[in-house]
Amino acid sequence: MKKAFSKQQQGKAAHRLGHRAEILCRFALQLKLYRIIEMRYKTSMGEIDIIAARGRSLVFIEVKARNDNASALQAVSTRQQIRLSRAAMSFLAHHPHYAQYNLRFDVMTIAPWQWPRHIKHAFESKLSPTFWA
């Protein structure tokens, strides 16, 4: 007989799963010589799971843990892309020394018993170019 879990218990479990996925993705990025700048960067406009740099690239990374990589990638909606773009703008406003870096939005997906998959240039900023000027 399956045990029913409350929404609160499900939410806590999802939070723990997401946190573990972010830690594993951080480790994978460090192995690829990325420098981790921020984890779980929070603004009033949203949260960015990982902000990393490699060379002159500043990368804003959304981490998705799902049962398979395809559904994880589909979970990054247009609305979420806008939120991530705004949060990135906020980060740059508070850290102007990164303004000259090449900006990139990546997604890392993780499925059970698999190494994280890193999708570079997963999406373009959903804000107009003048917004970044």
Protein backbone atom coordinates (compact mmCIF):
# COMPACT_ATOMS: atom_id res chain seq x y z
CA MET A 1 0.00 0.00 0.00
CA LYS A 2 1.40 3.38 -1.02
CA LYS A 3 1.74 5.99 1.65
CA ALA A 4 0.15 9.36 0.82
CA PHE A 5 2.33 12.39 1.39
CA SER A 6 1.05 15.84 2.22
CA LYS A 7 1.77 18.77 -0.10
CA GLN A 8 4.15 20.12 2.54
CA GLN A 9 6.10 16.85 2.63
CA GLN A 10 6.20 16.76 -1.18
CA GLY A 11 7.45 20.35 -1.26
CA LYS A 12 10.23 19.59 1.23
CA ALA A 13 11.27 16.52 -0.75
CA ALA A 14 11.36 18.54 -3.99
CA HIS A 15 13.42 21.24 -2.27
CA ARG A 16 15.96 18.66 -1.04
CA LEU A 17 16.14 17.05 -4.48
CA GLY A 18 16.73 20.44 -6.10
CA HIS A 19 19.43 21.33 -3.59
CA ARG A 20 21.24 18.01 -4.17
CA ALA A 21 20.99 18.50 -7.94
CA GLU A 22 22.52 21.98 -7.65
CA ILE A 23 25.42 20.64 -5.57
CA LEU A 24 26.12 17.89 -8.10
CA CYS A 25 25.94 20.40 -10.98
CA ARG A 26 28.30 22.71 -9.12
CA PHE A 27 30.80 19.86 -8.79
CA ALA A 28 30.47 19.01 -12.50
CA LEU A 29 31.08 22.66 -13.44
CA GLN A 30 34.13 22.88 -11.21
CA LEU A 31 35.56 19.79 -12.90
CA LYS A 32 35.12 21.65 -16.19
CA LEU A 33 37.11 24.57 -14.69
CA TYR A 34 34.21 26.95 -14.16
CA ARG A 35 34.57 29.36 -11.27
CA ILE A 36 31.41 29.39 -9.17
CA ILE A 37 30.45 32.96 -8.35
CA GLU A 38 27.06 32.48 -6.68
CA MET A 39 24.73 29.65 -5.74
CA ARG A 40 21.01 30.33 -5.35
CA TYR A 41 21.33 34.03 -6.10
CA LYS A 42 18.04 35.60 -4.97
CA THR A 43 16.57 38.92 -6.09
CA SER A 44 13.08 40.36 -5.99
CA MET A 45 12.87 39.39 -9.67
CA GLY A 46 13.72 35.73 -9.17
CA GLU A 47 16.44 33.26 -8.31
CA ILE A 48 19.36 31.99 -10.36
CA ASP A 49 20.52 28.53 -9.34
CA ILE A 50 24.19 28.94 -10.31
CA ILE A 51 26.23 31.85 -11.61
CA ALA A 52 29.62 30.79 -12.93
CA ALA A 53 32.46 32.20 -14.99
CA ARG A 54 34.91 30.60 -17.35
CA GLY A 55 37.35 32.78 -19.21
CA ARG A 56 35.44 35.92 -20.21
CA SER A 57 32.03 34.22 -20.15
CA LEU A 58 29.54 34.82 -17.36
CA VAL A 59 27.03 31.99 -17.25
CA PHE A 60 23.61 32.00 -15.58
CA ILE A 61 22.56 28.40 -15.04
CA GLU A 62 19.15 26.93 -14.29
CA VAL A 63 19.26 23.43 -12.79
CA LYS A 64 16.39 21.01 -13.39
CA ALA A 65 16.09 17.57 -11.80
CA ARG A 66 13.49 15.32 -13.40
CA ASN A 67 13.00 11.66 -14.23
CA ASP A 68 14.52 12.21 -17.67
CA ASN A 69 16.57 14.93 -19.34
CA ALA A 70 13.93 15.77 -21.96
CA SER A 71 11.26 16.66 -19.41
CA ALA A 72 13.84 18.60 -17.40
CA LEU A 73 14.68 20.77 -20.41
CA GLN A 74 10.99 21.35 -21.18
CA ALA A 75 10.48 22.55 -17.61
CA VAL A 76 12.27 25.85 -18.39
CA SER A 77 9.25 27.83 -19.60
CA THR A 78 9.29 31.19 -21.41
CA ARG A 79 8.01 32.81 -18.22
CA GLN A 80 10.92 31.31 -16.29
CA GLN A 81 13.37 32.48 -18.96
CA ILE A 82 12.07 36.05 -18.52
CA ARG A 83 12.45 35.74 -14.74
CA LEU A 84 16.03 34.46 -15.14
CA SER A 85 16.85 37.29 -17.57
CA ARG A 86 15.58 39.89 -15.09
CA ALA A 87 17.48 38.29 -12.22
CA ALA A 88 20.63 38.32 -14.37
CA MET A 89 20.10 42.02 -15.07
CA SER A 90 19.81 42.62 -11.33
CA PHE A 91 23.02 40.69 -10.70
CA LEU A 92 24.87 42.79 -13.29
CA ALA A 93 23.51 46.01 -11.78
CA HIS A 94 25.01 44.98 -8.43
CA HIS A 95 28.24 43.61 -9.93
CA PRO A 96 29.19 46.03 -12.74
CA HIS A 97 32.70 44.55 -13.09
CA TYR A 98 31.07 41.62 -14.95
CA ALA A 99 29.42 43.92 -17.51
CA GLN A 100 32.20 43.31 -20.08
CA TYR A 101 31.84 39.54 -19.90
CA ASN A 102 30.02 37.54 -22.59
CA LEU A 103 26.67 36.57 -21.09
CA ARG A 104 25.16 33.15 -21.52
CA PHE A 105 22.09 31.31 -20.26
CA ASP A 106 22.61 27.58 -19.77
CA VAL A 107 20.51 24.75 -18.39
CA MET A 108 21.82 21.73 -16.54
CA THR A 109 19.54 18.74 -16.34
CA ILE A 110 19.94 15.80 -14.06
CA ALA A 111 18.08 12.52 -14.11
CA PRO A 112 18.39 9.62 -11.67
CA TRP A 113 21.69 7.73 -11.90
CA GLN A 114 23.04 10.02 -14.61
CA TRP A 115 25.78 12.61 -14.67
CA PRO A 116 24.45 16.19 -15.12
CA ARG A 117 23.90 17.23 -18.72
CA HIS A 118 25.09 20.77 -19.51
CA ILE A 119 23.21 22.54 -22.30
CA LYS A 120 25.15 25.66 -23.27
CA HIS A 121 23.27 28.59 -24.82
CA ALA A 122 19.99 26.90 -23.85
CA PHE A 123 18.11 30.14 -24.47
CA GLU A 124 18.65 33.79 -25.28
CA SER A 125 17.72 36.56 -22.88
CA LYS A 126 14.02 37.36 -23.17
CA LEU A 127 14.69 41.05 -22.58
CA SER A 128 15.19 43.53 -25.39
CA PRO A 129 18.80 44.46 -26.27
CA THR A 130 18.19 48.05 -25.10
CA PHE A 131 17.34 46.63 -21.69
CA TRP A 132 20.97 45.52 -21.34
CA ALA A 133 22.49 48.79 -22.58
